[in-house]
Amino acid sequence: MPNSRVRIAIDCMGGDHGLPVTVPAAIAFARACPDAHCLLVGDESQVRQALQKDAAPAGSFEILHASEVVTMHDSVEVALRRKKDSSMRVAVQAVKDGRADAAVSAGNTGAWMAISRYVLKTLDGIDRPAIATAIPNQAGRATTVLDLGANVDCTAEHLLQFGLMGSALASSVDRLEQPRVGLLNIGEEVIKGNDVVKRAAELLRASGLNFHGNVEGDDIFKGTVDVVVCDGFVGNVVLKSVEGLARMISVMMREEFRRTPLTMAAGLVASPVLNRFRSRVDNRRYNGAALLGLRGIVIKSHGSADAYAFGQALQRAREAVHNGLLDGTIQGLAALRHTLSDTAADSAPAAP
């Protein structure tokens, strides 16, 4: 849809910072992308007040009032049953009603997933939605990893569906024709892993996807494949470990360069290299996890995101709409069903 306006519903109240981050990010996003139309969802008076603090581009915004806010500590039950006029719910409902092409929130992840699934429902052929995000790799690209915590206990069939959805995401957002899909395991050998992972590998090999085979944790950062599939328990541990390692390296490098006058001088000399390194590994550039498998495009920003990072999540939503993520997933599911049915027919015993 290159000539159409992209309508994005933004939960302005969610996240650790709320309006001081979401509204400035939306304004910067609208300035950078004239084709974007932002539906700012939240308390109308507060949203208008936040808009007045900066010169917002004319005609780029619409306010959808929501009288309630889902906090970071609210349970899924509270978010779904008691706060039916929350900014989260109104934003997702805008996608459901066709008023928005995508919805973005930095709020409570469990509530955002539950509300999105309840309102939008899952696509035919998808049992469980999955959370996918991009992790930078040394090849200068990014590796899409899923699931990152939506599904702790998965069957082999779920992992197959994750592979299809991750491939569709990489095709539409990253413009890869045949994304390479890997299955996260404790070794590359076919015999490695538990029964679920072994069965998932068999299904992926027969799926018609560009399946590379088993990959290990370091392959995420090597860029061995474009998409890495795992269950939500493993994926969440991977994600939090990556974020923690990045913070530790940043803190330790800062401490070492500040240790003595000599190391401070060395830091000044090395600053161009350090700045480029910081830019390459800056997780804010990759902010915006897609909730895949739903009948609509939904993006989850990190709760602690600043305006720059939240803006990246908005950009990711725009790219997903422009590049047909939803249609690509639907078409991929149809092709997958066709391939699997042909494989089943070929492997069926001949009639006597």
Protein backbone atom coordinates (compact mmCIF):
# COMPACT_ATOMS: atom_id res chain seq x y z
CA MET A 1 0.00 0.00 0.00
CA PRO A 2 2.70 2.51 -1.01
CA ASN A 3 0.30 5.36 -1.77
CA SER A 4 -2.04 4.92 1.18
CA ARG A 5 -1.94 6.51 4.59
CA VAL A 6 -0.91 4.18 7.38
CA ARG A 7 -3.22 4.55 10.37
CA ILE A 8 -1.61 3.57 13.66
CA ALA A 9 -3.49 3.44 16.97
CA ILE A 10 -1.10 4.37 19.78
CA ASP A 11 -1.71 3.51 23.42
CA CYS A 12 -0.42 6.80 24.82
CA MET A 13 -0.92 5.89 28.47
CA GLY A 14 1.04 2.62 28.63
CA GLY A 15 4.62 1.88 29.58
CA ASP A 16 6.88 3.11 32.35
CA HIS A 17 6.70 6.73 31.16
CA GLY A 18 3.39 7.13 29.30
CA LEU A 19 2.55 10.48 27.72
CA PRO A 20 5.98 12.16 28.13
CA VAL A 21 7.38 9.48 25.79
CA THR A 22 4.54 8.32 23.57
CA VAL A 23 3.28 11.70 22.36
CA PRO A 24 6.71 13.22 21.50
CA ALA A 25 7.57 9.96 19.73
CA ALA A 26 4.32 10.13 17.74
CA ILE A 27 5.02 13.74 16.75
CA ALA A 28 8.56 12.92 15.57
CA PHE A 29 7.22 9.88 13.73
CA ALA A 30 4.54 11.93 11.96
CA ARG A 31 7.12 14.50 10.89
CA ALA A 32 9.37 11.81 9.46
CA CYS A 33 6.54 9.90 7.78
CA PRO A 34 3.98 12.16 6.07
CA ASP A 35 1.98 9.07 5.06
CA ALA A 36 1.27 8.26 8.72
CA HIS A 37 -1.96 9.10 10.55
CA CYS A 38 -1.74 8.57 14.31
CA LEU A 39 -4.75 7.76 16.46
CA LEU A 40 -3.66 8.84 19.93
CA VAL A 41 -5.54 6.78 22.49
CA GLY A 42 -5.87 7.90 26.11
CA ASP A 43 -7.40 10.51 28.36
CA GLU A 44 -8.35 13.21 25.85
CA SER A 45 -7.51 16.22 28.02
CA GLN A 46 -4.10 14.82 28.94
CA VAL A 47 -3.30 13.88 25.35
CA ARG A 48 -4.27 17.36 24.08
CA GLN A 49 -2.13 18.97 26.76
CA ALA A 50 0.84 16.80 25.73
CA LEU A 51 0.32 17.70 22.06
CA GLN A 52 0.38 21.41 22.86
CA LYS A 53 3.91 21.15 24.25
CA ASP A 54 5.25 20.56 20.75
CA ALA A 55 4.18 21.74 17.31
CA ALA A 56 2.40 18.70 15.92
CA PRO A 57 2.01 18.37 12.11
CA ALA A 58 -1.49 19.42 11.08
CA GLY A 59 -3.83 16.64 10.03
CA SER A 60 -1.59 13.85 11.32
CA PHE A 61 -3.42 13.14 14.56
CA GLU A 62 -6.77 12.04 15.87
CA ILE A 63 -7.57 11.50 19.54
CA LEU A 64 -9.58 8.52 20.74
CA HIS A 65 -10.69 8.98 24.31
CA ALA A 66 -10.18 6.15 26.80
CA SER A 67 -11.24 6.60 30.41
CA GLU A 68 -9.10 3.82 31.93
CA VAL A 69 -5.45 2.77 32.00
CA VAL A 70 -4.01 -0.73 32.35
CA THR A 71 -1.05 -0.42 34.71
CA MET A 72 2.12 -2.49 34.55
CA HIS A 73 0.94 -4.36 37.67
CA ASP A 74 -2.63 -5.16 36.59
CA SER A 75 -3.47 -8.81 36.11
CA VAL A 76 -4.78 -10.12 32.81
CA GLU A 77 -8.21 -10.58 34.43
CA VAL A 78 -8.33 -6.94 35.50
CA ALA A 79 -7.25 -5.75 32.07
CA LEU A 80 -9.78 -7.92 30.24
CA ARG A 81 -12.81 -7.94 32.52
CA ARG A 82 -12.72 -4.78 34.58
CA LYS A 83 -11.04 -2.16 32.38
CA LYS A 84 -13.05 -2.40 29.18
CA ASP A 85 -12.46 1.24 28.29
CA SER A 86 -8.69 1.17 28.74
CA SER A 87 -6.36 2.83 26.25
CA MET A 88 -5.09 -0.65 25.34
CA ARG A 89 -8.56 -1.97 24.61
CA VAL A 90 -9.62 1.10 22.60
CA ALA A 91 -6.41 0.95 20.51
CA VAL A 92 -6.88 -2.72 19.60
CA GLN A 93 -10.60 -2.18 18.97
CA ALA A 94 -9.65 0.50 16.43
CA VAL A 95 -7.82 -2.19 14.46
CA LYS A 96 -10.76 -4.55 14.80
CA ASP A 97 -13.18 -1.87 13.54
CA GLY A 98 -10.98 -0.94 10.59
CA ARG A 99 -10.17 2.54 11.91
CA ALA A 100 -6.48 1.65 12.29
CA ASP A 101 -4.11 -0.59 10.36
CA ALA A 102 -1.95 -1.39 13.39
CA ALA A 103 -1.79 -0.80 17.14
CA VAL A 104 1.26 -0.08 19.30
CA SER A 105 1.67 -0.12 23.10
CA ALA A 106 4.52 -0.04 25.62
CA GLY A 107 2.24 -1.28 28.38
CA ASN A 108 1.80 -4.52 30.31
CA THR A 109 2.85 -7.33 27.94
CA GLY A 110 0.51 -9.99 29.31
CA ALA A 111 -2.46 -7.64 29.20
CA TRP A 112 -1.57 -6.40 25.70
CA MET A 113 -1.38 -9.95 24.37
CA ALA A 114 -4.57 -11.05 26.12
CA ILE A 115 -6.57 -8.03 24.95
CA SER A 116 -5.25 -8.33 21.40
CA ARG A 117 -6.09 -12.02 21.24
CA TYR A 118 -9.54 -11.51 22.76
CA VAL A 119 -10.51 -8.64 20.47
CA LEU A 120 -8.85 -9.66 17.19
CA LYS A 121 -8.83 -13.48 17.49
CA THR A 122 -6.20 -15.70 15.89
CA LEU A 123 -5.79 -16.47 12.20
CA ASP A 124 -7.09 -19.76 10.83
CA GLY A 125 -4.40 -22.37 11.33
CA ILE A 126 -2.77 -20.60 14.29
CA ASP A 127 -3.34 -22.09 17.74
CA ARG A 128 -1.34 -19.54 19.72
CA PRO A 129 0.01 -16.08 18.90
CA ALA A 130 3.72 -15.53 19.39
CA ILE A 131 5.93 -12.57 20.27
CA ALA A 132 8.78 -11.91 17.82
CA THR A 133 11.54 -9.32 17.88
CA ALA A 134 14.79 -8.56 16.07
CA ILE A 135 18.19 -9.03 17.74
CA PRO A 136 21.24 -7.44 16.08
CA ASN A 137 23.88 -9.81 14.71
CA GLN A 138 27.48 -9.47 13.56
CA ALA A 139 26.46 -9.75 9.90
CA GLY A 140 25.04 -6.23 10.12
CA ARG A 141 21.43 -7.37 9.93
CA ALA A 142 19.11 -8.67 12.63
CA THR A 143 17.88 -12.11 13.61
CA THR A 144 14.16 -12.48 14.27
CA VAL A 145 13.54 -14.64 17.34
CA LEU A 146 10.21 -16.09 18.47
CA ASP A 147 8.47 -16.93 20.75
CA LEU A 148 9.70 -14.57 23.45
CA GLY A 149 7.33 -15.39 26.26
CA ALA A 150 3.73 -15.69 25.10
CA ASN A 151 3.79 -19.51 25.19
CA VAL A 152 5.81 -21.36 27.80
CA ASP A 153 4.69 -24.90 26.93
CA CYS A 154 4.65 -25.59 23.19
CA THR A 155 4.00 -28.58 20.98
CA ALA A 156 5.94 -29.36 17.82
CA GLU A 157 2.99 -28.04 15.80
CA HIS A 158 3.19 -24.70 17.64
CA LEU A 159 6.90 -24.41 16.80
CA LEU A 160 6.05 -25.11 13.16
CA GLN A 161 3.52 -22.28 13.22
CA PHE A 162 6.10 -19.98 14.81
CA GLY A 163 8.47 -20.78 11.95
CA LEU A 164 5.83 -19.82 9.40
CA MET A 165 4.93 -16.58 11.20
CA GLY A 166 8.57 -15.61 11.73
CA SER A 167 9.30 -16.25 8.06
CA ALA A 168 6.37 -14.05 7.05
CA LEU A 169 7.61 -11.28 9.35
CA ALA A 170 11.14 -11.41 7.94
CA SER A 171 9.78 -11.44 4.39
CA SER A 172 7.50 -8.44 4.86
CA VAL A 173 9.43 -6.19 7.24
CA ASP A 174 13.02 -7.13 6.37
CA ARG A 175 12.27 -7.73 2.66
CA LEU A 176 13.89 -11.18 2.55
CA GLU A 177 12.64 -13.40 -0.27
CA GLN A 178 13.29 -16.75 1.39
CA PRO A 179 14.24 -16.21 5.04
CA ARG A 180 16.40 -18.95 6.51
CA VAL A 181 14.67 -20.53 9.50
CA GLY A 182 16.53 -22.27 12.31
CA LEU A 183 15.28 -24.24 15.30
CA LEU A 184 17.02 -23.36 18.57
CA ASN A 185 18.52 -26.47 20.11
CA ILE A 186 21.38 -27.65 22.31
CA GLY A 187 23.32 -28.78 19.24
CA GLU A 188 23.20 -28.77 15.47
CA GLU A 189 22.94 -32.56 15.16
CA VAL A 190 19.58 -34.06 14.24
CA ILE A 191 19.69 -36.40 17.25
CA LYS A 192 19.96 -33.52 19.75
CA GLY A 193 17.05 -32.08 21.75
CA ASN A 194 13.93 -33.37 23.43
CA ASP A 195 11.08 -35.15 21.66
CA VAL A 196 9.16 -31.92 20.97
CA VAL A 197 12.14 -30.24 19.30
CA LYS A 198 12.98 -33.34 17.26
CA ARG A 199 9.41 -33.60 16.01
CA ALA A 200 9.32 -29.86 15.27
CA ALA A 201 12.45 -30.24 13.14
CA GLU A 202 10.74 -32.99 11.12
CA LEU A 203 7.69 -30.77 10.56
CA LEU A 204 9.81 -27.78 9.57
CA ARG A 205 11.81 -29.86 7.09
CA ALA A 206 8.55 -30.94 5.42
CA SER A 207 6.94 -27.50 5.55
CA GLY A 208 8.30 -25.90 2.41
CA LEU A 209 9.98 -23.17 4.48
CA ASN A 210 13.67 -22.45 3.91
CA PHE A 211 14.62 -24.54 6.94
CA HIS A 212 18.31 -24.47 7.81
CA GLY A 213 18.09 -27.03 10.62
CA ASN A 214 19.04 -26.88 14.27
CA VAL A 215 20.97 -23.83 15.50
CA GLU A 216 22.61 -22.98 18.81
CA GLY A 217 22.42 -19.80 20.87
CA ASP A 218 25.51 -18.22 19.34
CA ASP A 219 23.99 -18.55 15.85
CA ILE A 220 21.56 -15.79 16.78
CA PHE A 221 24.48 -13.36 16.90
CA LYS A 222 26.43 -14.85 14.00
CA GLY A 223 23.50 -14.28 11.65
CA THR A 224 23.54 -17.94 10.60
CA VAL A 225 19.80 -17.76 9.91
CA ASP A 226 17.23 -15.00 9.60
CA VAL A 227 14.61 -16.52 11.92
CA VAL A 228 15.17 -18.54 15.10
CA VAL A 229 12.28 -20.55 16.53
CA CYS A 230 11.93 -21.64 20.16
CA ASP A 231 9.31 -21.92 22.87
CA GLY A 232 8.45 -18.89 24.97
CA PHE A 233 10.29 -20.07 28.07
CA VAL A 234 13.60 -20.39 26.25
CA GLY A 235 13.00 -17.27 24.15
CA ASN A 236 12.31 -15.07 27.13
CA VAL A 237 15.46 -16.27 28.88
CA VAL A 238 17.46 -15.54 25.71
CA LEU A 239 16.01 -12.04 25.38
CA LYS A 240 16.56 -11.05 29.01
CA SER A 241 20.10 -12.49 28.93
CA VAL A 242 20.92 -10.45 25.83
CA GLU A 243 19.55 -7.26 27.39
CA GLY A 244 21.43 -7.88 30.63
CA LEU A 245 24.70 -8.62 28.83
CA ALA A 246 24.41 -5.46 26.75
CA ARG A 247 23.88 -3.35 29.88
CA MET A 248 26.79 -5.02 31.67
CA ILE A 249 29.20 -4.41 28.77
CA SER A 250 28.12 -0.77 28.56
CA VAL A 251 28.61 -0.21 32.30
CA MET A 252 31.96 -2.01 32.43
CA MET A 253 33.37 -0.13 29.43
CA ARG A 254 32.27 3.18 30.93
CA GLU A 255 33.90 2.30 34.25
CA GLU A 256 37.18 1.27 32.62
CA PHE A 257 37.46 4.42 30.50
CA ARG A 258 36.81 6.59 33.56
CA ARG A 259 39.30 4.78 35.78
CA THR A 260 42.34 7.10 35.32
CA PRO A 261 43.22 10.30 33.42
CA LEU A 262 45.09 8.12 30.91
CA THR A 263 42.10 5.85 30.22
CA MET A 264 39.85 8.92 29.95
CA ALA A 265 42.18 10.31 27.28
CA ALA A 266 42.15 6.94 25.52
CA GLY A 267 38.36 7.04 25.62
CA LEU A 268 38.33 10.40 23.86
CA VAL A 269 40.60 9.04 21.12
CA ALA A 270 38.46 5.92 20.75
CA SER A 271 35.14 7.76 20.90
CA PRO A 272 34.35 7.49 17.14
CA VAL A 273 34.78 3.71 17.28
CA LEU A 274 32.86 3.44 20.55
CA ASN A 275 29.99 5.52 19.17
CA ARG A 276 29.72 3.30 16.09
CA PHE A 277 29.81 0.21 18.28
CA ARG A 278 27.14 1.65 20.54
CA SER A 279 24.95 2.38 17.54
CA ARG A 280 25.33 -1.15 16.16
CA VAL A 281 24.29 -2.83 19.41
CA ASP A 282 21.76 -0.21 20.57
CA ASN A 283 18.66 -2.26 21.36
CA ARG A 284 16.52 0.85 20.97
CA ARG A 285 17.00 0.60 17.19
CA TYR A 286 15.28 -2.78 17.23
CA ASN A 287 12.47 -1.89 19.61
CA GLY A 288 9.06 -3.17 18.65
CA ALA A 289 8.09 -6.83 19.02
CA ALA A 290 5.35 -8.12 16.73
CA LEU A 291 2.46 -10.12 18.16
CA LEU A 292 2.08 -12.63 15.36
CA GLY A 293 -0.84 -14.87 14.47
CA LEU A 294 -3.61 -12.35 15.12
CA ARG A 295 -6.18 -10.95 12.69
CA GLY A 296 -4.47 -7.59 12.77
CA ILE A 297 -1.04 -6.02 13.21
CA VAL A 298 -0.08 -5.43 16.84
CA ILE A 299 3.31 -4.21 18.05
CA LYS A 300 4.68 -4.28 21.61
CA SER A 301 7.25 -1.68 22.60
CA HIS A 302 9.59 -2.19 25.53
CA GLY A 303 8.01 -0.73 28.66
CA SER A 304 11.07 1.38 29.49
CA ALA A 305 11.42 2.76 25.95
CA ASP A 306 12.40 6.40 25.52
CA ALA A 307 10.97 8.57 22.72
CA TYR A 308 13.53 7.36 20.19
CA ALA A 309 12.90 3.67 20.96
CA PHE A 310 9.12 4.09 20.94
CA GLY A 311 9.44 5.83 17.59
CA GLN A 312 11.24 2.76 16.27
CA ALA A 313 8.27 0.63 17.34
CA LEU A 314 5.99 2.97 15.39
CA GLN A 315 8.27 2.61 12.36
CA ARG A 316 8.11 -1.17 12.68
CA ALA A 317 4.31 -1.02 12.68
CA ARG A 318 4.35 1.20 9.60
CA GLU A 319 6.70 -1.16 7.75
CA ALA A 320 4.57 -4.17 8.69
CA VAL A 321 1.49 -2.47 7.22
CA HIS A 322 3.23 -1.17 4.10
CA ASN A 323 4.84 -4.52 3.34
CA GLY A 324 1.74 -6.64 3.89
CA LEU A 325 2.67 -8.63 6.99
CA LEU A 326 -0.90 -9.78 7.62
CA ASP A 327 -1.56 -10.86 4.03
CA GLY A 328 1.86 -12.50 3.86
CA THR A 329 1.11 -14.54 6.97
CA ILE A 330 -2.29 -15.61 5.64
CA GLN A 331 -0.80 -16.62 2.28
CA GLY A 332 2.04 -18.45 4.03
CA LEU A 333 -0.40 -20.39 6.16
CA ALA A 334 -2.39 -21.41 3.09
CA ALA A 335 0.80 -22.56 1.31
CA LEU A 336 1.90 -24.41 4.44
CA ARG A 337 -1.39 -26.29 4.68
CA HIS A 338 -1.13 -27.21 1.00
CA THR A 339 2.46 -28.44 1.37
CA LEU A 340 1.69 -30.47 4.48
CA SER A 341 -1.37 -32.06 2.88
CA ASP A 342 0.70 -33.06 -0.16
CA THR A 343 3.39 -34.50 2.11
CA ALA A 344 0.80 -36.49 4.05
CA ALA A 345 -0.69 -37.80 0.82
CA ASP A 346 2.72 -38.87 -0.49
CA SER A 347 3.57 -40.68 2.73
CA ALA A 348 0.21 -42.45 3.04
CA PRO A 349 0.34 -46.22 2.35
CA ALA A 350 -0.98 -47.26 -1.03
CA ALA A 351 -4.37 -48.95 -1.14
CA PRO A 352 -4.20 -52.74 -1.47
